[in-house]
Amino acid sequence: MSSFDRPGDVFLADCPARLAVEILSDKWALVTVYALGNGPRRHGELKALIGGISSKMLTQTLRRLQHHGLVHRQAFAEVPPRVEYALTDLGQSALEPVDGLRRWAEQNGDAVLAAHDGRDR
């Protein structure tokens, strides 16, 4: 039985998969996972790479991803202190669907924008 044989199960309140969908459907979580796809990064590197995200929102997003097991935070005992964020194995496994959404967005971004512009008239 494929996942499409019972449409909507993942969206039911008591389905454990719903949490995974909710985590990755957040725009900042999605771009943060994507930004960490090429290896560990520091907070400032992530902020610059992502663009348009405040330090506070990035911190909240990283904490949420860490809480759900997608991101690992490593603090180094150095002066000045250094912290890096990296995807866990679970986070790495999310890269495939995230990249699929990226490809879809690149292929359809103009069509979405055109439809949006057409409705605004």
PDB file of N, CA and C in Angstrom:
ATOM      1  N   MET A   1       0.850  -1.185   0.000  1.00  0.00           N
ATOM      2  CA  MET A   1       0.000   0.000   0.000  1.00  0.00           C
ATOM      3  C   MET A   1       0.892   1.243   0.000  1.00  0.00           C
ATOM      4  N   SER A   2       0.711   2.136  -0.944  1.00  0.00           N
ATOM      5  CA  SER A   2       1.512   3.358  -1.006  1.00  0.00           C
ATOM      6  C   SER A   2       0.944   4.406  -0.059  1.00  0.00           C
ATOM      7  N   SER A   3       1.728   5.471   0.142  1.00  0.00           N
ATOM      8  CA  SER A   3       1.271   6.543   1.026  1.00  0.00           C
ATOM      9  C   SER A   3       0.073   7.285   0.445  1.00  0.00           C
ATOM     10  N   PHE A   4      -0.186   7.107  -0.871  1.00  0.00           N
ATOM     11  CA  PHE A   4      -1.312   7.790  -1.490  1.00  0.00           C
ATOM     12  C   PHE A   4      -2.596   6.977  -1.433  1.00  0.00           C
ATOM     13  N   ASP A   5      -2.519   5.714  -0.987  1.00  0.00           N
ATOM     14  CA  ASP A   5      -3.724   4.885  -0.884  1.00  0.00           C
ATOM     15  C   ASP A   5      -4.638   5.350   0.237  1.00  0.00           C
ATOM     16  N   ARG A   6      -4.073   6.021   1.217  1.00  0.00           N
ATOM     17  CA  ARG A   6      -4.860   6.570   2.331  1.00  0.00           C
ATOM     18  C   ARG A   6      -4.545   8.060   2.434  1.00  0.00           C
ATOM     19  N   PRO A   7      -5.049   8.840   1.487  1.00  0.00           N
ATOM     20  CA  PRO A   7      -4.687  10.258   1.442  1.00  0.00           C
ATOM     21  C   PRO A   7      -5.071  10.997   2.719  1.00  0.00           C
ATOM     22  N   GLY A   8      -4.173  11.844   3.151  1.00  0.00           N
ATOM     23  CA  GLY A   8      -4.461  12.694   4.290  1.00  0.00           C
ATOM     24  C   GLY A   8      -4.060  12.151   5.636  1.00  0.00           C
ATOM     25  N   ASP A   9      -3.641  10.879   5.725  1.00  0.00           N
ATOM     26  CA  ASP A   9      -3.273  10.333   7.028  1.00  0.00           C
ATOM     27  C   ASP A   9      -2.193  11.164   7.713  1.00  0.00           C
ATOM     28  N   VAL A  10      -1.208  11.613   6.947  1.00  0.00           N
ATOM     29  CA  VAL A  10      -0.113  12.376   7.522  1.00  0.00           C
ATOM     30  C   VAL A  10      -0.605  13.712   8.104  1.00  0.00           C
ATOM     31  N   PHE A  11      -1.780  14.144   7.712  1.00  0.00           N
ATOM     32  CA  PHE A  11      -2.317  15.399   8.204  1.00  0.00           C
ATOM     33  C   PHE A  11      -3.288  15.226   9.364  1.00  0.00           C
ATOM     34  N   LEU A  12      -3.557  13.985   9.764  1.00  0.00           N
ATOM     35  CA  LEU A  12      -4.429  13.753  10.904  1.00  0.00           C
ATOM     36  C   LEU A  12      -3.710  14.111  12.193  1.00  0.00           C
ATOM     37  N   ALA A  13      -4.440  14.642  13.145  1.00  0.00           N
ATOM     38  CA  ALA A  13      -3.849  15.129  14.385  1.00  0.00           C
ATOM     39  C   ALA A  13      -3.077  14.062  15.146  1.00  0.00           C
ATOM     40  N   ASP A  14      -3.500  12.819  15.078  1.00  0.00           N
ATOM     41  CA  ASP A  14      -2.841  11.781  15.865  1.00  0.00           C
ATOM     42  C   ASP A  14      -1.778  11.009  15.079  1.00  0.00           C
ATOM     43  N   CYS A  15      -1.441  11.454  13.877  1.00  0.00           N
ATOM     44  CA  CYS A  15      -0.417  10.783  13.070  1.00  0.00           C
ATOM     45  C   CYS A  15       0.960  11.320  13.442  1.00  0.00           C
ATOM     46  N   PRO A  16       1.886  10.441  13.844  1.00  0.00           N
ATOM     47  CA  PRO A  16       3.236  10.896  14.217  1.00  0.00           C
ATOM     48  C   PRO A  16       3.958  11.613  13.080  1.00  0.00           C
ATOM     49  N   ALA A  17       3.653  11.279  11.844  1.00  0.00           N
ATOM     50  CA  ALA A  17       4.319  11.925  10.713  1.00  0.00           C
ATOM     51  C   ALA A  17       3.931  13.395  10.593  1.00  0.00           C
ATOM     52  N   ARG A  18       2.812  13.759  11.175  1.00  0.00           N
ATOM     53  CA  ARG A  18       2.356  15.154  11.081  1.00  0.00           C
ATOM     54  C   ARG A  18       3.380  16.106  11.692  1.00  0.00           C
ATOM     55  N   LEU A  19       4.019  15.699  12.779  1.00  0.00           N
ATOM     56  CA  LEU A  19       5.035  16.546  13.410  1.00  0.00           C
ATOM     57  C   LEU A  19       6.175  16.819  12.444  1.00  0.00           C
ATOM     58  N   ALA A  20       6.615  15.796  11.715  1.00  0.00           N
ATOM     59  CA  ALA A  20       7.699  15.981  10.749  1.00  0.00           C
ATOM     60  C   ALA A  20       7.294  16.981   9.668  1.00  0.00           C
ATOM     61  N   VAL A  21       6.062  16.871   9.199  1.00  0.00           N
ATOM     62  CA  VAL A  21       5.566  17.813   8.195  1.00  0.00           C
ATOM     63  C   VAL A  21       5.532  19.223   8.773  1.00  0.00           C
ATOM     64  N   GLU A  22       5.051  19.370   9.996  1.00  0.00           N
ATOM     65  CA  GLU A  22       4.970  20.682  10.633  1.00  0.00           C
ATOM     66  C   GLU A  22       6.349  21.304  10.813  1.00  0.00           C
ATOM     67  N   ILE A  23       7.325  20.493  11.202  1.00  0.00           N
ATOM     68  CA  ILE A  23       8.677  21.016  11.420  1.00  0.00           C
ATOM     69  C   ILE A  23       9.250  21.559  10.125  1.00  0.00           C
ATOM     70  N   LEU A  24       9.176  20.789   9.060  1.00  0.00           N
ATOM     71  CA  LEU A  24       9.783  21.206   7.800  1.00  0.00           C
ATOM     72  C   LEU A  24       8.936  22.187   6.999  1.00  0.00           C
ATOM     73  N   SER A  25       7.672  22.352   7.350  1.00  0.00           N
ATOM     74  CA  SER A  25       6.840  23.297   6.603  1.00  0.00           C
ATOM     75  C   SER A  25       7.081  24.742   7.028  1.00  0.00           C
ATOM     76  N   ASP A  26       7.784  24.937   8.114  1.00  0.00           N
ATOM     77  CA  ASP A  26       8.159  26.291   8.539  1.00  0.00           C
ATOM     78  C   ASP A  26       9.227  26.819   7.585  1.00  0.00           C
ATOM     79  N   LYS A  27       9.025  28.008   7.020  1.00  0.00           N
ATOM     80  CA  LYS A  27       9.953  28.502   5.998  1.00  0.00           C
ATOM     81  C   LYS A  27      11.370  28.651   6.528  1.00  0.00           C
ATOM     82  N   TRP A  28      11.523  29.080   7.775  1.00  0.00           N
ATOM     83  CA  TRP A  28      12.877  29.257   8.302  1.00  0.00           C
ATOM     84  C   TRP A  28      13.531  27.917   8.589  1.00  0.00           C
ATOM     85  N   ALA A  29      12.773  26.932   9.003  1.00  0.00           N
ATOM     86  CA  ALA A  29      13.334  25.598   9.224  1.00  0.00           C
ATOM     87  C   ALA A  29      13.792  25.017   7.892  1.00  0.00           C
ATOM     88  N   LEU A  30      12.997  25.168   6.887  1.00  0.00           N
ATOM     89  CA  LEU A  30      13.310  24.636   5.567  1.00  0.00           C
ATOM     90  C   LEU A  30      14.616  25.222   5.031  1.00  0.00           C
ATOM     91  N   VAL A  31      14.751  26.540   5.062  1.00  0.00           N
ATOM     92  CA  VAL A  31      15.970  27.154   4.519  1.00  0.00           C
ATOM     93  C   VAL A  31      17.173  26.913   5.424  1.00  0.00           C
ATOM     94  N   THR A  32      16.950  26.752   6.719  1.00  0.00           N
ATOM     95  CA  THR A  32      18.058  26.468   7.634  1.00  0.00           C
ATOM     96  C   THR A  32      18.593  25.065   7.390  1.00  0.00           C
ATOM     97  N   VAL A  33      17.715  24.100   7.232  1.00  0.00           N
ATOM     98  CA  VAL A  33      18.152  22.735   6.908  1.00  0.00           C
ATOM     99  C   VAL A  33      18.917  22.752   5.590  1.00  0.00           C
ATOM    100  N   TYR A  34      18.395  23.449   4.606  1.00  0.00           N
ATOM    101  CA  TYR A  34      19.067  23.531   3.302  1.00  0.00           C
ATOM    102  C   TYR A  34      20.445  24.180   3.446  1.00  0.00           C
ATOM    103  N   ALA A  35      20.526  25.252   4.236  1.00  0.00           N
ATOM    104  CA  ALA A  35      21.796  25.961   4.423  1.00  0.00           C
ATOM    105  C   ALA A  35      22.846  25.101   5.125  1.00  0.00           C
ATOM    106  N   LEU A  36      22.399  24.186   5.962  1.00  0.00           N
ATOM    107  CA  LEU A  36      23.327  23.296   6.663  1.00  0.00           C
ATOM    108  C   LEU A  36      23.680  22.060   5.843  1.00  0.00           C
ATOM    109  N   GLY A  37      23.148  21.953   4.656  1.00  0.00           N
ATOM    110  CA  GLY A  37      23.346  20.776   3.820  1.00  0.00           C
ATOM    111  C   GLY A  37      24.780  20.541   3.380  1.00  0.00           C
ATOM    112  N   ASN A  38      25.580  21.596   3.348  1.00  0.00           N
ATOM    113  CA  ASN A  38      26.973  21.454   2.926  1.00  0.00           C
ATOM    114  C   ASN A  38      27.945  21.397   4.095  1.00  0.00           C
ATOM    115  N   GLY A  39      27.428  21.191   5.293  1.00  0.00           N
ATOM    116  CA  GLY A  39      28.316  21.043   6.440  1.00  0.00           C
ATOM    117  C   GLY A  39      28.044  22.053   7.539  1.00  0.00           C
ATOM    118  N   PRO A  40      28.788  21.903   8.645  1.00  0.00           N
ATOM    119  CA  PRO A  40      28.570  22.758   9.818  1.00  0.00           C
ATOM    120  C   PRO A  40      28.785  24.238   9.513  1.00  0.00           C
ATOM    121  N   ARG A  41      28.023  25.056  10.210  1.00  0.00           N
ATOM    122  CA  ARG A  41      28.142  26.504  10.047  1.00  0.00           C
ATOM    123  C   ARG A  41      27.939  27.181  11.392  1.00  0.00           C
ATOM    124  N   ARG A  42      28.530  28.347  11.508  1.00  0.00           N
ATOM    125  CA  ARG A  42      28.330  29.174  12.694  1.00  0.00           C
ATOM    126  C   ARG A  42      27.079  30.021  12.493  1.00  0.00           C
ATOM    127  N   HIS A  43      26.585  30.570  13.594  1.00  0.00           N
ATOM    128  CA  HIS A  43      25.349  31.366  13.576  1.00  0.00           C
ATOM    129  C   HIS A  43      25.436  32.502  12.560  1.00  0.00           C
ATOM    130  N   GLY A  44      26.512  33.262  12.599  1.00  0.00           N
ATOM    131  CA  GLY A  44      26.667  34.394  11.688  1.00  0.00           C
ATOM    132  C   GLY A  44      26.736  33.975  10.231  1.00  0.00           C
ATOM    133  N   GLU A  45      27.381  32.845   9.966  1.00  0.00           N
ATOM    134  CA  GLU A  45      27.443  32.323   8.601  1.00  0.00           C
ATOM    135  C   GLU A  45      26.050  31.958   8.104  1.00  0.00           C
ATOM    136  N   LEU A  46      25.289  31.295   8.964  1.00  0.00           N
ATOM    137  CA  LEU A  46      23.925  30.919   8.596  1.00  0.00           C
ATOM    138  C   LEU A  46      23.067  32.149   8.327  1.00  0.00           C
ATOM    139  N   LYS A  47      23.176  33.139   9.192  1.00  0.00           N
ATOM    140  CA  LYS A  47      22.367  34.357   9.044  1.00  0.00           C
ATOM    141  C   LYS A  47      22.663  35.029   7.705  1.00  0.00           C
ATOM    142  N   ALA A  48      23.949  35.119   7.354  1.00  0.00           N
ATOM    143  CA  ALA A  48      24.334  35.743   6.087  1.00  0.00           C
ATOM    144  C   ALA A  48      23.903  34.900   4.894  1.00  0.00           C
ATOM    145  N   LEU A  49      24.029  33.600   5.000  1.00  0.00           N
ATOM    146  CA  LEU A  49      23.684  32.702   3.912  1.00  0.00           C
ATOM    147  C   LEU A  49      22.176  32.693   3.649  1.00  0.00           C
ATOM    148  N   ILE A  50      21.394  32.663   4.708  1.00  0.00           N
ATOM    149  CA  ILE A  50      19.939  32.610   4.584  1.00  0.00           C
ATOM    150  C   ILE A  50      19.386  33.954   4.118  1.00  0.00           C
ATOM    151  N   GLY A  51      19.822  35.020   4.737  1.00  0.00           N
ATOM    152  CA  GLY A  51      19.336  36.354   4.372  1.00  0.00           C
ATOM    153  C   GLY A  51      17.890  36.572   4.799  1.00  0.00           C
ATOM    154  N   GLY A  52      17.588  37.766   5.291  1.00  0.00           N
ATOM    155  CA  GLY A  52      16.225  38.113   5.655  1.00  0.00           C
ATOM    156  C   GLY A  52      15.736  37.541   6.968  1.00  0.00           C
ATOM    157  N   ILE A  53      16.593  36.864   7.700  1.00  0.00           N
ATOM    158  CA  ILE A  53      16.205  36.281   8.987  1.00  0.00           C
ATOM    159  C   ILE A  53      16.903  37.055  10.095  1.00  0.00           C
ATOM    160  N   SER A  54      16.159  37.340  11.154  1.00  0.00           N
ATOM    161  CA  SER A  54      16.766  38.028  12.296  1.00  0.00           C
ATOM    162  C   SER A  54      17.573  37.032  13.119  1.00  0.00           C
ATOM    163  N   SER A  55      18.494  37.540  13.909  1.00  0.00           N
ATOM    164  CA  SER A  55      19.286  36.675  14.797  1.00  0.00           C
ATOM    165  C   SER A  55      18.385  35.923  15.755  1.00  0.00           C
ATOM    166  N   LYS A  56      17.376  36.612  16.273  1.00  0.00           N
ATOM    167  CA  LYS A  56      16.446  35.983  17.214  1.00  0.00           C
ATOM    168  C   LYS A  56      15.686  34.826  16.558  1.00  0.00           C
ATOM    169  N   MET A  57      15.193  35.035  15.349  1.00  0.00           N
ATOM    170  CA  MET A  57      14.439  33.992  14.658  1.00  0.00           C
ATOM    171  C   MET A  57      15.341  32.823  14.287  1.00  0.00           C
ATOM    172  N   LEU A  58      16.576  33.113  13.887  1.00  0.00           N
ATOM    173  CA  LEU A  58      17.509  32.037  13.563  1.00  0.00           C
ATOM    174  C   LEU A  58      17.808  31.206  14.805  1.00  0.00           C
ATOM    175  N   THR A  59      18.024  31.870  15.924  1.00  0.00           N
ATOM    176  CA  THR A  59      18.273  31.153  17.179  1.00  0.00           C
ATOM    177  C   THR A  59      17.085  30.274  17.537  1.00  0.00           C
ATOM    178  N   GLN A  60      15.877  30.815  17.437  1.00  0.00           N
ATOM    179  CA  GLN A  60      14.669  30.034  17.740  1.00  0.00           C
ATOM    180  C   GLN A  60      14.539  28.842  16.797  1.00  0.00           C
ATOM    181  N   THR A  61      14.827  29.054  15.528  1.00  0.00           N
ATOM    182  CA  THR A  61      14.730  27.984  14.534  1.00  0.00           C
ATOM    183  C   THR A  61      15.751  26.888  14.821  1.00  0.00           C
ATOM    184  N   LEU A  62      16.983  27.278  15.110  1.00  0.00           N
ATOM    185  CA  LEU A  62      18.023  26.299  15.421  1.00  0.00           C
ATOM    186  C   LEU A  62      17.674  25.502  16.673  1.00  0.00           C
ATOM    187  N   ARG A  63      17.149  26.173  17.693  1.00  0.00           N
ATOM    188  CA  ARG A  63      16.752  25.477  18.918  1.00  0.00           C
ATOM    189  C   ARG A  63      15.627  24.481  18.643  1.00  0.00           C
ATOM    190  N   ARG A  64      14.673  24.885  17.827  1.00  0.00           N
ATOM    191  CA  ARG A  64      13.554  23.988  17.494  1.00  0.00           C
ATOM    192  C   ARG A  64      14.045  22.771  16.714  1.00  0.00           C
ATOM    193  N   LEU A  65      14.920  23.003  15.735  1.00  0.00           N
ATOM    194  CA  LEU A  65      15.471  21.900  14.953  1.00  0.00           C
ATOM    195  C   LEU A  65      16.332  20.985  15.823  1.00  0.00           C
ATOM    196  N   GLN A  66      17.040  21.583  16.767  1.00  0.00           N
ATOM    197  CA  GLN A  66      17.841  20.795  17.705  1.00  0.00           C
ATOM    198  C   GLN A  66      16.930  19.964  18.608  1.00  0.00           C
ATOM    199  N   HIS A  67      15.882  20.582  19.101  1.00  0.00           N
ATOM    200  CA  HIS A  67      14.925  19.894  19.976  1.00  0.00           C
ATOM    201  C   HIS A  67      14.316  18.675  19.287  1.00  0.00           C
ATOM    202  N   HIS A  68      14.082  18.785  17.990  1.00  0.00           N
ATOM    203  CA  HIS A  68      13.459  17.699  17.236  1.00  0.00           C
ATOM    204  C   HIS A  68      14.478  16.745  16.606  1.00  0.00           C
ATOM    205  N   GLY A  69      15.741  16.947  16.920  1.00  0.00           N
ATOM    206  CA  GLY A  69      16.766  15.997  16.507  1.00  0.00           C
ATOM    207  C   GLY A  69      17.315  16.160  15.109  1.00  0.00           C
ATOM    208  N   LEU A  70      17.045  17.285  14.459  1.00  0.00           N
ATOM    209  CA  LEU A  70      17.552  17.496  13.111  1.00  0.00           C
ATOM    210  C   LEU A  70      18.892  18.222  13.090  1.00  0.00           C
ATOM    211  N   VAL A  71      19.185  18.972  14.138  1.00  0.00           N
ATOM    212  CA  VAL A  71      20.414  19.774  14.208  1.00  0.00           C
ATOM    213  C   VAL A  71      21.158  19.458  15.492  1.00  0.00           C
ATOM    214  N   HIS A  72      22.482  19.427  15.365  1.00  0.00           N
ATOM    215  CA  HIS A  72      23.369  19.255  16.525  1.00  0.00           C
ATOM    216  C   HIS A  72      24.124  20.560  16.731  1.00  0.00           C
ATOM    217  N   ARG A  73      24.174  21.011  17.967  1.00  0.00           N
ATOM    218  CA  ARG A  73      24.906  22.227  18.343  1.00  0.00           C
ATOM    219  C   ARG A  73      26.169  21.804  19.064  1.00  0.00           C
ATOM    220  N   GLN A  74      27.315  22.297  18.589  1.00  0.00           N
ATOM    221  CA  GLN A  74      28.575  21.963  19.238  1.00  0.00           C
ATOM    222  C   GLN A  74      29.272  23.254  19.654  1.00  0.00           C
ATOM    223  N   ALA A  75      29.523  23.360  20.956  1.00  0.00           N
ATOM    224  CA  ALA A  75      30.245  24.503  21.505  1.00  0.00           C
ATOM    225  C   ALA A  75      31.701  24.088  21.713  1.00  0.00           C
ATOM    226  N   PHE A  76      32.614  24.918  21.254  1.00  0.00           N
ATOM    227  CA  PHE A  76      34.034  24.650  21.393  1.00  0.00           C
ATOM    228  C   PHE A  76      34.594  25.485  22.540  1.00  0.00           C
ATOM    229  N   ALA A  77      35.419  24.874  23.378  1.00  0.00           N
ATOM    230  CA  ALA A  77      36.026  25.557  24.527  1.00  0.00           C
ATOM    231  C   ALA A  77      37.223  26.364  24.043  1.00  0.00           C
ATOM    232  N   GLU A  78      36.929  27.490  23.432  1.00  0.00           N
ATOM    233  CA  GLU A  78      37.955  28.377  22.886  1.00  0.00           C
ATOM    234  C   GLU A  78      37.691  29.795  23.365  1.00  0.00           C
ATOM    235  N   VAL A  79      38.695  30.630  23.202  1.00  0.00           N
ATOM    236  CA  VAL A  79      38.529  32.047  23.483  1.00  0.00           C
ATOM    237  C   VAL A  79      38.813  32.787  22.189  1.00  0.00           C
ATOM    238  N   PRO A  80      37.843  33.484  21.638  1.00  0.00           N
ATOM    239  CA  PRO A  80      36.446  33.581  22.063  1.00  0.00           C
ATOM    240  C   PRO A  80      35.700  32.277  21.794  1.00  0.00           C
ATOM    241  N   PRO A  81      34.582  32.095  22.501  1.00  0.00           N
ATOM    242  CA  PRO A  81      33.799  30.864  22.322  1.00  0.00           C
ATOM    243  C   PRO A  81      33.317  30.718  20.878  1.00  0.00           C
ATOM    244  N   ARG A  82      33.243  29.483  20.413  1.00  0.00           N
ATOM    245  CA  ARG A  82      32.782  29.208  19.055  1.00  0.00           C
ATOM    246  C   ARG A  82      31.714  28.125  19.126  1.00  0.00           C
ATOM    247  N   VAL A  83      30.644  28.325  18.397  1.00  0.00           N
ATOM    248  CA  VAL A  83      29.549  27.359  18.326  1.00  0.00           C
ATOM    249  C   VAL A  83      29.275  27.071  16.863  1.00  0.00           C
ATOM    250  N   GLU A  84      29.118  25.788  16.548  1.00  0.00           N
ATOM    251  CA  GLU A  84      28.764  25.382  15.199  1.00  0.00           C
ATOM    252  C   GLU A  84      27.502  24.534  15.231  1.00  0.00           C
ATOM    253  N   TYR A  85      26.753  24.636  14.162  1.00  0.00           N
ATOM    254  CA  TYR A  85      25.534  23.857  13.993  1.00  0.00           C
ATOM    255  C   TYR A  85      25.712  22.947  12.786  1.00  0.00           C
ATOM    256  N   ALA A  86      25.255  21.707  12.931  1.00  0.00           N
ATOM    257  CA  ALA A  86      25.352  20.740  11.845  1.00  0.00           C
ATOM    258  C   ALA A  86      24.101  19.877  11.838  1.00  0.00           C
ATOM    259  N   LEU A  87      23.796  19.327  10.684  1.00  0.00           N
ATOM    260  CA  LEU A  87      22.673  18.405  10.589  1.00  0.00           C
ATOM    261  C   LEU A  87      23.048  17.069  11.223  1.00  0.00           C
ATOM    262  N   THR A  88      22.111  16.491  11.922  1.00  0.00           N
ATOM    263  CA  THR A  88      22.260  15.126  12.428  1.00  0.00           C
ATOM    264  C   THR A  88      21.947  14.173  11.265  1.00  0.00           C
ATOM    265  N   ASP A  89      22.036  12.880  11.513  1.00  0.00           N
ATOM    266  CA  ASP A  89      21.647  11.919  10.481  1.00  0.00           C
ATOM    267  C   ASP A  89      20.184  12.115  10.084  1.00  0.00           C
ATOM    268  N   LEU A  90      19.342  12.397  11.067  1.00  0.00           N
ATOM    269  CA  LEU A  90      17.932  12.659  10.786  1.00  0.00           C
ATOM    270  C   LEU A  90      17.786  13.919   9.934  1.00  0.00           C
ATOM    271  N   GLY A  91      18.535  14.957  10.266  1.00  0.00           N
ATOM    272  CA  GLY A  91      18.519  16.186   9.478  1.00  0.00           C
ATOM    273  C   GLY A  91      19.019  15.960   8.059  1.00  0.00           C
ATOM    274  N   GLN A  92      20.059  15.146   7.925  1.00  0.00           N
ATOM    275  CA  GLN A  92      20.579  14.813   6.593  1.00  0.00           C
ATOM    276  C   GLN A  92      19.502  14.111   5.762  1.00  0.00           C
ATOM    277  N   SER A  93      18.713  13.263   6.420  1.00  0.00           N
ATOM    278  CA  SER A  93      17.671  12.539   5.696  1.00  0.00           C
ATOM    279  C   SER A  93      16.577  13.483   5.187  1.00  0.00           C
ATOM    280  N   ALA A  94      16.471  14.658   5.771  1.00  0.00           N
ATOM    281  CA  ALA A  94      15.473  15.640   5.328  1.00  0.00           C
ATOM    282  C   ALA A  94      15.921  16.405   4.092  1.00  0.00           C
ATOM    283  N   LEU A  95      17.209  16.302   3.755  1.00  0.00           N
ATOM    284  CA  LEU A  95      17.715  17.069   2.611  1.00  0.00           C
ATOM    285  C   LEU A  95      17.076  16.653   1.288  1.00  0.00           C
ATOM    286  N   GLU A  96      16.760  15.386   1.122  1.00  0.00           N
ATOM    287  CA  GLU A  96      16.168  14.931  -0.140  1.00  0.00           C
ATOM    288  C   GLU A  96      14.811  15.599  -0.398  1.00  0.00           C
ATOM    289  N   PRO A  97      13.876  15.547   0.545  1.00  0.00           N
ATOM    290  CA  PRO A  97      12.602  16.240   0.277  1.00  0.00           C
ATOM    291  C   PRO A  97      12.762  17.763   0.215  1.00  0.00           C
ATOM    292  N   VAL A  98      13.666  18.315   1.001  1.00  0.00           N
ATOM    293  CA  VAL A  98      13.904  19.763   0.948  1.00  0.00           C
ATOM    294  C   VAL A  98      14.439  20.145  -0.424  1.00  0.00           C
ATOM    295  N   ASP A  99      15.371  19.343  -0.943  1.00  0.00           N
ATOM    296  CA  ASP A  99      15.923  19.635  -2.263  1.00  0.00           C
ATOM    297  C   ASP A  99      14.868  19.441  -3.349  1.00  0.00           C
ATOM    298  N   GLY A 100      13.984  18.474  -3.167  1.00  0.00           N
ATOM    299  CA  GLY A 100      12.885  18.295  -4.113  1.00  0.00           C
ATOM    300  C   GLY A 100      11.991  19.520  -4.166  1.00  0.00           C
ATOM    301  N   LEU A 101      11.696  20.096  -3.015  1.00  0.00           N
ATOM    302  CA  LEU A 101      10.890  21.317  -2.963  1.00  0.00           C
ATOM    303  C   LEU A 101      11.649  22.478  -3.598  1.00  0.00           C
ATOM    304  N   ARG A 102      12.965  22.555  -3.368  1.00  0.00           N
ATOM    305  CA  ARG A 102      13.786  23.597  -3.991  1.00  0.00           C
ATOM    306  C   ARG A 102      13.701  23.496  -5.512  1.00  0.00           C
ATOM    307  N   ARG A 103      13.850  22.277  -6.045  1.00  0.00           N
ATOM    308  CA  ARG A 103      13.783  22.092  -7.498  1.00  0.00           C
ATOM    309  C   ARG A 103      12.414  22.498  -8.045  1.00  0.00           C
ATOM    310  N   TRP A 104      11.356  22.085  -7.331  1.00  0.00           N
ATOM    311  CA  TRP A 104      10.005  22.458  -7.767  1.00  0.00           C
ATOM    312  C   TRP A 104       9.851  23.978  -7.775  1.00  0.00           C
ATOM    313  N   ALA A 105      10.348  24.633  -6.721  1.00  0.00           N
ATOM    314  CA  ALA A 105      10.229  26.091  -6.618  1.00  0.00           C
ATOM    315  C   ALA A 105      10.994  26.784  -7.741  1.00  0.00           C
ATOM    316  N   GLU A 106      12.184  26.279  -8.056  1.00  0.00           N
ATOM    317  CA  GLU A 106      12.946  26.869  -9.156  1.00  0.00           C
ATOM    318  C   GLU A 106      12.228  26.705 -10.491  1.00  0.00           C
ATOM    319  N   GLN A 107      11.609  25.544 -10.707  1.00  0.00           N
ATOM    320  CA  GLN A 107      10.920  25.270 -11.965  1.00  0.00           C
ATOM    321  C   GLN A 107       9.600  26.017 -12.080  1.00  0.00           C
ATOM    322  N   ASN A 108       8.967  26.324 -10.963  1.00  0.00           N
ATOM    323  CA  ASN A 108       7.613  26.885 -10.988  1.00  0.00           C
ATOM    324  C   ASN A 108       7.488  28.272 -10.374  1.00  0.00           C
ATOM    325  N   GLY A 109       8.591  28.831  -9.930  1.00  0.00           N
ATOM    326  CA  GLY A 109       8.542  30.147  -9.287  1.00  0.00           C
ATOM    327  C   GLY A 109       7.923  31.220 -10.166  1.00  0.00           C
ATOM    328  N   ASP A 110       8.305  31.240 -11.445  1.00  0.00           N
ATOM    329  CA  ASP A 110       7.745  32.242 -12.364  1.00  0.00           C
ATOM    330  C   ASP A 110       6.240  32.058 -12.542  1.00  0.00           C
ATOM    331  N   ALA A 111       5.787  30.814 -12.633  1.00  0.00           N
ATOM    332  CA  ALA A 111       4.352  30.544 -12.805  1.00  0.00           C
ATOM    333  C   ALA A 111       3.576  30.969 -11.558  1.00  0.00           C
ATOM    334  N   VAL A 112       4.143  30.707 -10.389  1.00  0.00           N
ATOM    335  CA  VAL A 112       3.487  31.110  -9.148  1.00  0.00           C
ATOM    336  C   VAL A 112       3.404  32.634  -9.081  1.00  0.00           C
ATOM    337  N   LEU A 113       4.493  33.302  -9.438  1.00  0.00           N
ATOM    338  CA  LEU A 113       4.509  34.758  -9.426  1.00  0.00           C
ATOM    339  C   LEU A 113       3.525  35.331 -10.445  1.00  0.00           C
ATOM    340  N   ALA A 114       3.459  34.722 -11.615  1.00  0.00           N
ATOM    341  CA  ALA A 114       2.516  35.186 -12.645  1.00  0.00           C
ATOM    342  C   ALA A 114       1.075  35.026 -12.178  1.00  0.00           C
ATOM    343  N   ALA A 115       0.777  33.887 -11.552  1.00  0.00           N
ATOM    344  CA  ALA A 115      -0.576  33.680 -11.042  1.00  0.00           C
ATOM    345  C   ALA A 115      -0.900  34.680  -9.952  1.00  0.00           C
ATOM    346  N   HIS A 116       0.063  34.964  -9.110  1.00  0.00           N
ATOM    347  CA  HIS A 116      -0.114  35.944  -8.033  1.00  0.00           C
ATOM    348  C   HIS A 116      -0.344  37.324  -8.610  1.00  0.00           C
ATOM    349  N   ASP A 117       0.477  37.716  -9.593  1.00  0.00           N
ATOM    350  CA  ASP A 117       0.328  39.035 -10.224  1.00  0.00           C
ATOM    351  C   ASP A 117      -1.001  39.159 -10.930  1.00  0.00           C
ATOM    352  N   GLY A 118      -1.464  38.075 -11.559  1.00  0.00           N
ATOM    353  CA  GLY A 118      -2.750  38.090 -12.270  1.00  0.00           C
ATOM    354  C   GLY A 118      -3.917  38.287 -11.327  1.00  0.00           C
ATOM    355  N   ARG A 119      -3.817  37.771 -10.135  1.00  0.00           N
ATOM    356  CA  ARG A 119      -4.908  37.921  -9.158  1.00  0.00           C
ATOM    357  C   ARG A 119      -4.928  39.307  -8.536  1.00  0.00           C
ATOM    358  N   ASP A 120      -3.766  39.984  -8.527  1.00  0.00           N
ATOM    359  CA  ASP A 120      -3.691  41.308  -7.926  1.00  0.00           C
ATOM    360  C   ASP A 120      -4.301  42.389  -8.811  1.00  0.00           C
ATOM    361  N   ARG A 121      -4.562  42.061 -10.067  1.00  0.00           N
ATOM    362  CA  ARG A 121      -5.091  43.085 -10.994  1.00  0.00           C
ATOM    363  C   ARG A 121      -6.554  43.293 -10.823  1.00  0.00           C
TER     364      ARG A 121
END
